[in-house]
Amino acid sequence: MILVTTENVSGKETEMLGLVKGSTIQTVNAIRDIGAGLKTLVGGELTKYNEMMNKARALATKRMLEEAEAMGADAIVSVRYASASIMQNAAEVMAYGTAVKFR
């Protein structure tokens, strides 16, 4: 499966199948959250939150791919990611794009 952020796949004619998406809501455990809170006092990268968001993006992408495969897609164009805070220390990540089939 080809994923691109562009509106088309270079050198390919495509037929649009429709919107595909995947999402997840993730959080870190309370102990790590306390550590991250202390880290805000001194500054620096919040490594555990970075790891959480990377896992969330990977899972959202996987779910989007599964939806596209079920539609018989060859690629997903115009891939985008969005995130939002759902509650304190929990974030939703959504991956979305347009499933296409090559002609």
PDB file of N, CA and C in Angstrom:
ATOM      1  N   MET A   1       0.860  -1.183   0.000  1.00  0.00           N
ATOM      2  CA  MET A   1       0.000   0.000   0.000  1.00  0.00           C
ATOM      3  C   MET A   1       0.900   1.238   0.000  1.00  0.00           C
ATOM      4  N   ILE A   2       0.603   2.133  -0.894  1.00  0.00           N
ATOM      5  CA  ILE A   2       1.353   3.386  -1.002  1.00  0.00           C
ATOM      6  C   ILE A   2       0.605   4.468  -0.209  1.00  0.00           C
ATOM      7  N   LEU A   3       1.349   5.195   0.620  1.00  0.00           N
ATOM      8  CA  LEU A   3       0.803   6.336   1.362  1.00  0.00           C
ATOM      9  C   LEU A   3       1.548   7.579   0.931  1.00  0.00           C
ATOM     10  N   VAL A   4       0.813   8.613   0.503  1.00  0.00           N
ATOM     11  CA  VAL A   4       1.446   9.869   0.124  1.00  0.00           C
ATOM     12  C   VAL A   4       0.649  11.043   0.676  1.00  0.00           C
ATOM     13  N   THR A   5       1.351  12.140   0.888  1.00  0.00           N
ATOM     14  CA  THR A   5       0.671  13.350   1.350  1.00  0.00           C
ATOM     15  C   THR A   5       0.203  14.206   0.174  1.00  0.00           C
ATOM     16  N   THR A   6       0.621  13.837  -1.025  1.00  0.00           N
ATOM     17  CA  THR A   6       0.214  14.562  -2.223  1.00  0.00           C
ATOM     18  C   THR A   6      -1.177  14.117  -2.667  1.00  0.00           C
ATOM     19  N   GLU A   7      -1.750  14.843  -3.631  1.00  0.00           N
ATOM     20  CA  GLU A   7      -3.096  14.526  -4.094  1.00  0.00           C
ATOM     21  C   GLU A   7      -3.130  13.379  -5.099  1.00  0.00           C
ATOM     22  N   ASN A   8      -1.961  12.954  -5.569  1.00  0.00           N
ATOM     23  CA  ASN A   8      -1.920  11.839  -6.507  1.00  0.00           C
ATOM     24  C   ASN A   8      -0.613  11.073  -6.341  1.00  0.00           C
ATOM     25  N   VAL A   9      -0.549   9.915  -6.978  1.00  0.00           N
ATOM     26  CA  VAL A   9       0.669   9.114  -6.973  1.00  0.00           C
ATOM     27  C   VAL A   9       1.335   9.353  -8.320  1.00  0.00           C
ATOM     28  N   SER A  10       2.541   9.841  -8.293  1.00  0.00           N
ATOM     29  CA  SER A  10       3.260  10.198  -9.514  1.00  0.00           C
ATOM     30  C   SER A  10       3.257   9.050 -10.517  1.00  0.00           C
ATOM     31  N   GLY A  11       2.829   9.369 -11.739  1.00  0.00           N
ATOM     32  CA  GLY A  11       2.843   8.398 -12.822  1.00  0.00           C
ATOM     33  C   GLY A  11       1.683   7.412 -12.823  1.00  0.00           C
ATOM     34  N   LYS A  12       0.717   7.582 -11.951  1.00  0.00           N
ATOM     35  CA  LYS A  12      -0.411   6.648 -11.863  1.00  0.00           C
ATOM     36  C   LYS A  12      -1.730   7.382 -12.061  1.00  0.00           C
ATOM     37  N   GLU A  13      -2.610   6.773 -12.846  1.00  0.00           N
ATOM     38  CA  GLU A  13      -3.983   7.252 -12.936  1.00  0.00           C
ATOM     39  C   GLU A  13      -4.762   6.547 -11.852  1.00  0.00           C
ATOM     40  N   THR A  14      -5.608   7.292 -11.153  1.00  0.00           N
ATOM     41  CA  THR A  14      -6.322   6.695 -10.021  1.00  0.00           C
ATOM     42  C   THR A  14      -7.816   6.928 -10.102  1.00  0.00           C
ATOM     43  N   GLU A  15      -8.519   6.051  -9.430  1.00  0.00           N
ATOM     44  CA  GLU A  15      -9.963   6.176  -9.247  1.00  0.00           C
ATOM     45  C   GLU A  15     -10.197   6.329  -7.746  1.00  0.00           C
ATOM     46  N   MET A  16     -10.912   7.363  -7.359  1.00  0.00           N
ATOM     47  CA  MET A  16     -11.162   7.623  -5.943  1.00  0.00           C
ATOM     48  C   MET A  16     -12.176   6.616  -5.391  1.00  0.00           C
ATOM     49  N   LEU A  17     -11.842   6.025  -4.243  1.00  0.00           N
ATOM     50  CA  LEU A  17     -12.749   5.091  -3.577  1.00  0.00           C
ATOM     51  C   LEU A  17     -13.468   5.738  -2.398  1.00  0.00           C
ATOM     52  N   GLY A  18     -12.802   6.679  -1.733  1.00  0.00           N
ATOM     53  CA  GLY A  18     -13.450   7.367  -0.620  1.00  0.00           C
ATOM     54  C   GLY A  18     -12.519   7.628   0.544  1.00  0.00           C
ATOM     55  N   LEU A  19     -13.063   8.289   1.535  1.00  0.00           N
ATOM     56  CA  LEU A  19     -12.331   8.659   2.746  1.00  0.00           C
ATOM     57  C   LEU A  19     -12.034   7.416   3.580  1.00  0.00           C
ATOM     58  N   VAL A  20     -10.813   7.350   4.087  1.00  0.00           N
ATOM     59  CA  VAL A  20     -10.447   6.307   5.054  1.00  0.00           C
ATOM     60  C   VAL A  20      -9.824   6.991   6.261  1.00  0.00           C
ATOM     61  N   LYS A  21      -9.999   6.373   7.422  1.00  0.00           N
ATOM     62  CA  LYS A  21      -9.472   6.979   8.636  1.00  0.00           C
ATOM     63  C   LYS A  21      -9.163   5.902   9.663  1.00  0.00           C
ATOM     64  N   GLY A  22      -8.349   6.285  10.599  1.00  0.00           N
ATOM     65  CA  GLY A  22      -8.045   5.425  11.733  1.00  0.00           C
ATOM     66  C   GLY A  22      -7.747   6.328  12.905  1.00  0.00           C
ATOM     67  N   SER A  23      -8.116   5.894  14.098  1.00  0.00           N
ATOM     68  CA  SER A  23      -7.835   6.738  15.259  1.00  0.00           C
ATOM     69  C   SER A  23      -7.599   5.883  16.492  1.00  0.00           C
ATOM     70  N   THR A  24      -7.019   6.506  17.491  1.00  0.00           N
ATOM     71  CA  THR A  24      -6.805   5.882  18.786  1.00  0.00           C
ATOM     72  C   THR A  24      -6.690   6.972  19.839  1.00  0.00           C
ATOM     73  N   ILE A  25      -6.987   6.605  21.055  1.00  0.00           N
ATOM     74  CA  ILE A  25      -6.791   7.510  22.194  1.00  0.00           C
ATOM     75  C   ILE A  25      -5.787   6.831  23.116  1.00  0.00           C
ATOM     76  N   GLN A  26      -4.744   7.546  23.450  1.00  0.00           N
ATOM     77  CA  GLN A  26      -3.659   6.978  24.246  1.00  0.00           C
ATOM     78  C   GLN A  26      -3.372   7.862  25.455  1.00  0.00           C
ATOM     79  N   THR A  27      -2.778   7.250  26.459  1.00  0.00           N
ATOM     80  CA  THR A  27      -2.308   7.960  27.635  1.00  0.00           C
ATOM     81  C   THR A  27      -1.073   7.255  28.175  1.00  0.00           C
ATOM     82  N   VAL A  28      -0.324   7.927  29.011  1.00  0.00           N
ATOM     83  CA  VAL A  28       0.803   7.287  29.687  1.00  0.00           C
ATOM     84  C   VAL A  28       0.349   6.933  31.100  1.00  0.00           C
ATOM     85  N   ASN A  29       1.062   6.008  31.731  1.00  0.00           N
ATOM     86  CA  ASN A  29       0.621   5.624  33.080  1.00  0.00           C
ATOM     87  C   ASN A  29       0.934   6.734  34.087  1.00  0.00           C
ATOM     88  N   ALA A  30       0.297   6.653  35.238  1.00  0.00           N
ATOM     89  CA  ALA A  30       0.363   7.721  36.245  1.00  0.00           C
ATOM     90  C   ALA A  30       1.784   7.987  36.740  1.00  0.00           C
ATOM     91  N   ILE A  31       2.586   6.948  36.910  1.00  0.00           N
ATOM     92  CA  ILE A  31       3.960   7.125  37.411  1.00  0.00           C
ATOM     93  C   ILE A  31       4.771   7.934  36.393  1.00  0.00           C
ATOM     94  N   ARG A  32       4.648   7.562  35.131  1.00  0.00           N
ATOM     95  CA  ARG A  32       5.374   8.301  34.097  1.00  0.00           C
ATOM     96  C   ARG A  32       4.861   9.725  33.994  1.00  0.00           C
ATOM     97  N   ASP A  33       3.562   9.899  34.220  1.00  0.00           N
ATOM     98  CA  ASP A  33       2.976  11.225  34.148  1.00  0.00           C
ATOM     99  C   ASP A  33       3.540  12.130  35.242  1.00  0.00           C
ATOM    100  N   ILE A  34       3.749  11.597  36.411  1.00  0.00           N
ATOM    101  CA  ILE A  34       4.348  12.383  37.502  1.00  0.00           C
ATOM    102  C   ILE A  34       5.755  12.811  37.100  1.00  0.00           C
ATOM    103  N   GLY A  35       6.512  11.864  36.511  1.00  0.00           N
ATOM    104  CA  GLY A  35       7.866  12.176  36.042  1.00  0.00           C
ATOM    105  C   GLY A  35       7.855  13.261  34.978  1.00  0.00           C
ATOM    106  N   ALA A  36       6.898  13.186  34.076  1.00  0.00           N
ATOM    107  CA  ALA A  36       6.786  14.202  33.026  1.00  0.00           C
ATOM    108  C   ALA A  36       6.436  15.557  33.628  1.00  0.00           C
ATOM    109  N   GLY A  37       5.592  15.552  34.665  1.00  0.00           N
ATOM    110  CA  GLY A  37       5.237  16.800  35.339  1.00  0.00           C
ATOM    111  C   GLY A  37       6.446  17.455  35.968  1.00  0.00           C
ATOM    112  N   LEU A  38       7.308  16.660  36.574  1.00  0.00           N
ATOM    113  CA  LEU A  38       8.540  17.195  37.157  1.00  0.00           C
ATOM    114  C   LEU A  38       9.471  17.722  36.064  1.00  0.00           C
ATOM    115  N   LYS A  39       9.469  17.052  34.914  1.00  0.00           N
ATOM    116  CA  LYS A  39      10.334  17.452  33.802  1.00  0.00           C
ATOM    117  C   LYS A  39       9.964  18.859  33.315  1.00  0.00           C
ATOM    118  N   THR A  40       8.699  19.234  33.438  1.00  0.00           N
ATOM    119  CA  THR A  40       8.298  20.561  32.983  1.00  0.00           C
ATOM    120  C   THR A  40       8.938  21.666  33.810  1.00  0.00           C
ATOM    121  N   LEU A  41       9.378  21.336  35.014  1.00  0.00           N
ATOM    122  CA  LEU A  41      10.037  22.333  35.864  1.00  0.00           C
ATOM    123  C   LEU A  41      11.433  22.679  35.357  1.00  0.00           C
ATOM    124  N   VAL A  42      12.109  21.691  34.782  1.00  0.00           N
ATOM    125  CA  VAL A  42      13.493  21.909  34.347  1.00  0.00           C
ATOM    126  C   VAL A  42      13.629  22.001  32.828  1.00  0.00           C
ATOM    127  N   GLY A  43      12.599  21.631  32.113  1.00  0.00           N
ATOM    128  CA  GLY A  43      12.638  21.688  30.651  1.00  0.00           C
ATOM    129  C   GLY A  43      13.210  20.417  30.051  1.00  0.00           C
ATOM    130  N   GLY A  44      13.079  20.310  28.758  1.00  0.00           N
ATOM    131  CA  GLY A  44      13.602  19.149  28.049  1.00  0.00           C
ATOM    132  C   GLY A  44      12.497  18.351  27.385  1.00  0.00           C
ATOM    133  N   GLU A  45      12.925  17.339  26.657  1.00  0.00           N
ATOM    134  CA  GLU A  45      11.997  16.499  25.908  1.00  0.00           C
ATOM    135  C   GLU A  45      11.249  15.554  26.841  1.00  0.00           C
ATOM    136  N   LEU A  46       9.964  15.404  26.591  1.00  0.00           N
ATOM    137  CA  LEU A  46       9.136  14.470  27.352  1.00  0.00           C
ATOM    138  C   LEU A  46       9.128  13.142  26.601  1.00  0.00           C
ATOM    139  N   THR A  47      10.154  12.347  26.822  1.00  0.00           N
ATOM    140  CA  THR A  47      10.400  11.129  26.049  1.00  0.00           C
ATOM    141  C   THR A  47       9.221  10.162  26.073  1.00  0.00           C
ATOM    142  N   LYS A  48       8.629   9.940  27.215  1.00  0.00           N
ATOM    143  CA  LYS A  48       7.511   8.984  27.308  1.00  0.00           C
ATOM    144  C   LYS A  48       6.292   9.472  26.535  1.00  0.00           C
ATOM    145  N   TYR A  49       6.068  10.781  26.517  1.00  0.00           N
ATOM    146  CA  TYR A  49       4.965  11.321  25.724  1.00  0.00           C
ATOM    147  C   TYR A  49       5.280  11.204  24.231  1.00  0.00           C
ATOM    148  N   ASN A  50       6.538  11.410  23.870  1.00  0.00           N
ATOM    149  CA  ASN A  50       6.950  11.210  22.486  1.00  0.00           C
ATOM    150  C   ASN A  50       6.687   9.777  22.050  1.00  0.00           C
ATOM    151  N   GLU A  51       7.078   8.828  22.894  1.00  0.00           N
ATOM    152  CA  GLU A  51       6.855   7.415  22.591  1.00  0.00           C
ATOM    153  C   GLU A  51       5.364   7.117  22.471  1.00  0.00           C
ATOM    154  N   MET A  52       4.561   7.683  23.384  1.00  0.00           N
ATOM    155  CA  MET A  52       3.122   7.477  23.337  1.00  0.00           C
ATOM    156  C   MET A  52       2.539   7.986  22.030  1.00  0.00           C
ATOM    157  N   MET A  53       2.942   9.181  21.612  1.00  0.00           N
ATOM    158  CA  MET A  53       2.402   9.758  20.383  1.00  0.00           C
ATOM    159  C   MET A  53       2.876   8.990  19.149  1.00  0.00           C
ATOM    160  N   ASN A  54       4.107   8.507  19.154  1.00  0.00           N
ATOM    161  CA  ASN A  54       4.594   7.690  18.043  1.00  0.00           C
ATOM    162  C   ASN A  54       3.786   6.403  17.920  1.00  0.00           C
ATOM    163  N   LYS A  55       3.515   5.760  19.048  1.00  0.00           N
ATOM    164  CA  LYS A  55       2.691   4.541  19.039  1.00  0.00           C
ATOM    165  C   LYS A  55       1.281   4.854  18.563  1.00  0.00           C
ATOM    166  N   ALA A  56       0.738   5.978  19.014  1.00  0.00           N
ATOM    167  CA  ALA A  56      -0.616   6.367  18.619  1.00  0.00           C
ATOM    168  C   ALA A  56      -0.690   6.621  17.114  1.00  0.00           C
ATOM    169  N   ARG A  57       0.301   7.319  16.557  1.00  0.00           N
ATOM    170  CA  ARG A  57       0.310   7.561  15.108  1.00  0.00           C
ATOM    171  C   ARG A  57       0.419   6.256  14.336  1.00  0.00           C
ATOM    172  N   ALA A  58       1.271   5.350  14.821  1.00  0.00           N
ATOM    173  CA  ALA A  58       1.438   4.053  14.147  1.00  0.00           C
ATOM    174  C   ALA A  58       0.134   3.255  14.168  1.00  0.00           C
ATOM    175  N   LEU A  59      -0.561   3.240  15.302  1.00  0.00           N
ATOM    176  CA  LEU A  59      -1.815   2.502  15.409  1.00  0.00           C
ATOM    177  C   LEU A  59      -2.908   3.141  14.556  1.00  0.00           C
ATOM    178  N   ALA A  60      -2.989   4.462  14.555  1.00  0.00           N
ATOM    179  CA  ALA A  60      -3.985   5.154  13.729  1.00  0.00           C
ATOM    180  C   ALA A  60      -3.718   4.877  12.248  1.00  0.00           C
ATOM    181  N   THR A  61      -2.452   4.884  11.856  1.00  0.00           N
ATOM    182  CA  THR A  61      -2.091   4.587  10.465  1.00  0.00           C
ATOM    183  C   THR A  61      -2.477   3.161  10.104  1.00  0.00           C
ATOM    184  N   LYS A  62      -2.193   2.215  10.988  1.00  0.00           N
ATOM    185  CA  LYS A  62      -2.537   0.807  10.753  1.00  0.00           C
ATOM    186  C   LYS A  62      -4.038   0.656  10.543  1.00  0.00           C
ATOM    187  N   ARG A  63      -4.827   1.301  11.368  1.00  0.00           N
ATOM    188  CA  ARG A  63      -6.288   1.209  11.253  1.00  0.00           C
ATOM    189  C   ARG A  63      -6.782   1.845   9.952  1.00  0.00           C
ATOM    190  N   MET A  64      -6.154   2.955   9.548  1.00  0.00           N
ATOM    191  CA  MET A  64      -6.514   3.579   8.275  1.00  0.00           C
ATOM    192  C   MET A  64      -6.186   2.633   7.115  1.00  0.00           C
ATOM    193  N   LEU A  65      -5.014   2.011   7.165  1.00  0.00           N
ATOM    194  CA  LEU A  65      -4.609   1.060   6.127  1.00  0.00           C
ATOM    195  C   LEU A  65      -5.581  -0.112   6.028  1.00  0.00           C
ATOM    196  N   GLU A  66      -5.991  -0.638   7.175  1.00  0.00           N
ATOM    197  CA  GLU A  66      -6.935  -1.755   7.188  1.00  0.00           C
ATOM    198  C   GLU A  66      -8.256  -1.370   6.517  1.00  0.00           C
ATOM    199  N   GLU A  67      -8.716  -0.158   6.777  1.00  0.00           N
ATOM    200  CA  GLU A  67      -9.961   0.318   6.152  1.00  0.00           C
ATOM    201  C   GLU A  67      -9.785   0.432   4.639  1.00  0.00           C
ATOM    202  N   ALA A  68      -8.631   0.945   4.207  1.00  0.00           N
ATOM    203  CA  ALA A  68      -8.361   1.089   2.773  1.00  0.00           C
ATOM    204  C   ALA A  68      -8.244  -0.278   2.095  1.00  0.00           C
ATOM    205  N   GLU A  69      -7.581  -1.217   2.747  1.00  0.00           N
ATOM    206  CA  GLU A  69      -7.446  -2.565   2.184  1.00  0.00           C
ATOM    207  C   GLU A  69      -8.805  -3.228   2.025  1.00  0.00           C
ATOM    208  N   ALA A  70      -9.700  -3.019   2.975  1.00  0.00           N
ATOM    209  CA  ALA A  70     -11.049  -3.586   2.904  1.00  0.00           C
ATOM    210  C   ALA A  70     -11.827  -3.028   1.721  1.00  0.00           C
ATOM    211  N   MET A  71     -11.462  -1.813   1.283  1.00  0.00           N
ATOM    212  CA  MET A  71     -12.117  -1.187   0.129  1.00  0.00           C
ATOM    213  C   MET A  71     -11.461  -1.617  -1.182  1.00  0.00           C
ATOM    214  N   GLY A  72     -10.342  -2.330  -1.108  1.00  0.00           N
ATOM    215  CA  GLY A  72      -9.620  -2.736  -2.312  1.00  0.00           C
ATOM    216  C   GLY A  72      -8.690  -1.668  -2.846  1.00  0.00           C
ATOM    217  N   ALA A  73      -8.250  -0.760  -2.001  1.00  0.00           N
ATOM    218  CA  ALA A  73      -7.398   0.358  -2.425  1.00  0.00           C
ATOM    219  C   ALA A  73      -5.973  -0.107  -2.722  1.00  0.00           C
ATOM    220  N   ASP A  74      -5.337   0.616  -3.627  1.00  0.00           N
ATOM    221  CA  ASP A  74      -3.918   0.405  -3.930  1.00  0.00           C
ATOM    222  C   ASP A  74      -3.051   1.436  -3.214  1.00  0.00           C
ATOM    223  N   ALA A  75      -3.666   2.570  -2.852  1.00  0.00           N
ATOM    224  CA  ALA A  75      -2.905   3.655  -2.234  1.00  0.00           C
ATOM    225  C   ALA A  75      -3.851   4.555  -1.439  1.00  0.00           C
ATOM    226  N   ILE A  76      -3.249   5.369  -0.588  1.00  0.00           N
ATOM    227  CA  ILE A  76      -3.994   6.420   0.104  1.00  0.00           C
ATOM    228  C   ILE A  76      -3.274   7.721  -0.187  1.00  0.00           C
ATOM    229  N   VAL A  77      -4.007   8.679  -0.739  1.00  0.00           N
ATOM    230  CA  VAL A  77      -3.434   9.985  -1.070  1.00  0.00           C
ATOM    231  C   VAL A  77      -3.942  11.025  -0.080  1.00  0.00           C
ATOM    232  N   SER A  78      -3.264  12.155  -0.058  1.00  0.00           N
ATOM    233  CA  SER A  78      -3.625  13.270   0.832  1.00  0.00           C
ATOM    234  C   SER A  78      -3.678  12.837   2.298  1.00  0.00           C
ATOM    235  N   VAL A  79      -2.714  12.015   2.703  1.00  0.00           N
ATOM    236  CA  VAL A  79      -2.675  11.530   4.082  1.00  0.00           C
ATOM    237  C   VAL A  79      -2.381  12.692   5.028  1.00  0.00           C
ATOM    238  N   ARG A  80      -3.151  12.758   6.100  1.00  0.00           N
ATOM    239  CA  ARG A  80      -2.992  13.789   7.116  1.00  0.00           C
ATOM    240  C   ARG A  80      -3.137  13.170   8.494  1.00  0.00           C
ATOM    241  N   TYR A  81      -2.584  13.855   9.481  1.00  0.00           N
ATOM    242  CA  TYR A  81      -2.715  13.447  10.879  1.00  0.00           C
ATOM    243  C   TYR A  81      -3.269  14.622  11.670  1.00  0.00           C
ATOM    244  N   ALA A  82      -4.094  14.306  12.645  1.00  0.00           N
ATOM    245  CA  ALA A  82      -4.621  15.329  13.551  1.00  0.00           C
ATOM    246  C   ALA A  82      -4.556  14.759  14.956  1.00  0.00           C
ATOM    247  N   SER A  83      -4.371  15.635  15.918  1.00  0.00           N
ATOM    248  CA  SER A  83      -4.386  15.183  17.308  1.00  0.00           C
ATOM    249  C   SER A  83      -5.157  16.187  18.144  1.00  0.00           C
ATOM    250  N   ALA A  84      -5.706  15.669  19.226  1.00  0.00           N
ATOM    251  CA  ALA A  84      -6.480  16.523  20.127  1.00  0.00           C
ATOM    252  C   ALA A  84      -6.373  15.965  21.532  1.00  0.00           C
ATOM    253  N   SER A  85      -6.408  16.855  22.491  1.00  0.00           N
ATOM    254  CA  SER A  85      -6.432  16.455  23.886  1.00  0.00           C
ATOM    255  C   SER A  85      -7.861  16.056  24.234  1.00  0.00           C
ATOM    256  N   ILE A  86      -8.025  14.873  24.773  1.00  0.00           N
ATOM    257  CA  ILE A  86      -9.356  14.370  25.123  1.00  0.00           C
ATOM    258  C   ILE A  86      -9.666  14.671  26.583  1.00  0.00           C
ATOM    259  N   MET A  87      -8.692  14.453  27.420  1.00  0.00           N
ATOM    260  CA  MET A  87      -8.776  14.761  28.839  1.00  0.00           C
ATOM    261  C   MET A  87      -7.344  14.971  29.309  1.00  0.00           C
ATOM    262  N   GLN A  88      -7.157  15.312  30.555  1.00  0.00           N
ATOM    263  CA  GLN A  88      -5.800  15.546  31.034  1.00  0.00           C
ATOM    264  C   GLN A  88      -4.955  14.300  30.793  1.00  0.00           C
ATOM    265  N   ASN A  89      -3.830  14.481  30.091  1.00  0.00           N
ATOM    266  CA  ASN A  89      -2.854  13.428  29.836  1.00  0.00           C
ATOM    267  C   ASN A  89      -3.326  12.332  28.878  1.00  0.00           C
ATOM    268  N   ALA A  90      -4.366  12.574  28.110  1.00  0.00           N
ATOM    269  CA  ALA A  90      -4.824  11.624  27.096  1.00  0.00           C
ATOM    270  C   ALA A  90      -5.007  12.375  25.787  1.00  0.00           C
ATOM    271  N   ALA A  91      -4.551  11.755  24.711  1.00  0.00           N
ATOM    272  CA  ALA A  91      -4.641  12.399  23.411  1.00  0.00           C
ATOM    273  C   ALA A  91      -5.232  11.450  22.376  1.00  0.00           C
ATOM    274  N   GLU A  92      -6.032  12.004  21.485  1.00  0.00           N
ATOM    275  CA  GLU A  92      -6.527  11.242  20.337  1.00  0.00           C
ATOM    276  C   GLU A  92      -5.649  11.596  19.146  1.00  0.00           C
ATOM    277  N   VAL A  93      -5.292  10.585  18.386  1.00  0.00           N
ATOM    278  CA  VAL A  93      -4.586  10.793  17.127  1.00  0.00           C
ATOM    279  C   VAL A  93      -5.435  10.181  16.032  1.00  0.00           C
ATOM    280  N   MET A  94      -5.641  10.932  14.958  1.00  0.00           N
ATOM    281  CA  MET A  94      -6.402  10.444  13.820  1.00  0.00           C
ATOM    282  C   MET A  94      -5.544  10.552  12.568  1.00  0.00           C
ATOM    283  N   ALA A  95      -5.558   9.496  11.772  1.00  0.00           N
ATOM    284  CA  ALA A  95      -4.922   9.499  10.455  1.00  0.00           C
ATOM    285  C   ALA A  95      -6.058   9.395   9.442  1.00  0.00           C
ATOM    286  N   TYR A  96      -5.981  10.191   8.379  1.00  0.00           N
ATOM    287  CA  TYR A  96      -7.036  10.124   7.371  1.00  0.00           C
ATOM    288  C   TYR A  96      -6.486  10.480   6.004  1.00  0.00           C
ATOM    289  N   GLY A  97      -7.188  10.039   4.985  1.00  0.00           N
ATOM    290  CA  GLY A  97      -6.788  10.308   3.613  1.00  0.00           C
ATOM    291  C   GLY A  97      -7.846   9.773   2.662  1.00  0.00           C
ATOM    292  N   THR A  98      -7.514   9.775   1.376  1.00  0.00           N
ATOM    293  CA  THR A  98      -8.430   9.297   0.349  1.00  0.00           C
ATOM    294  C   THR A  98      -7.890   8.014  -0.248  1.00  0.00           C
ATOM    295  N   ALA A  99      -8.678   6.953  -0.148  1.00  0.00           N
ATOM    296  CA  ALA A  99      -8.300   5.670  -0.729  1.00  0.00           C
ATOM    297  C   ALA A  99      -8.506   5.740  -2.247  1.00  0.00           C
ATOM    298  N   VAL A 100      -7.525   5.236  -2.989  1.00  0.00           N
ATOM    299  CA  VAL A 100      -7.616   5.225  -4.447  1.00  0.00           C
ATOM    300  C   VAL A 100      -7.204   3.854  -4.978  1.00  0.00           C
ATOM    301  N   LYS A 101      -7.699   3.556  -6.176  1.00  0.00           N
ATOM    302  CA  LYS A 101      -7.346   2.342  -6.897  1.00  0.00           C
ATOM    303  C   LYS A 101      -6.677   2.767  -8.195  1.00  0.00           C
ATOM    304  N   PHE A 102      -5.613   2.052  -8.576  1.00  0.00           N
ATOM    305  CA  PHE A 102      -4.922   2.370  -9.831  1.00  0.00           C
ATOM    306  C   PHE A 102      -5.741   1.845 -11.006  1.00  0.00           C
ATOM    307  N   ARG A 103      -5.726   2.610 -12.099  1.00  0.00           N
ATOM    308  CA  ARG A 103      -6.438   2.177 -13.327  1.00  0.00           C
ATOM    309  C   ARG A 103      -5.506   1.393 -14.197  1.00  0.00           C
TER     310      ARG A 103
END
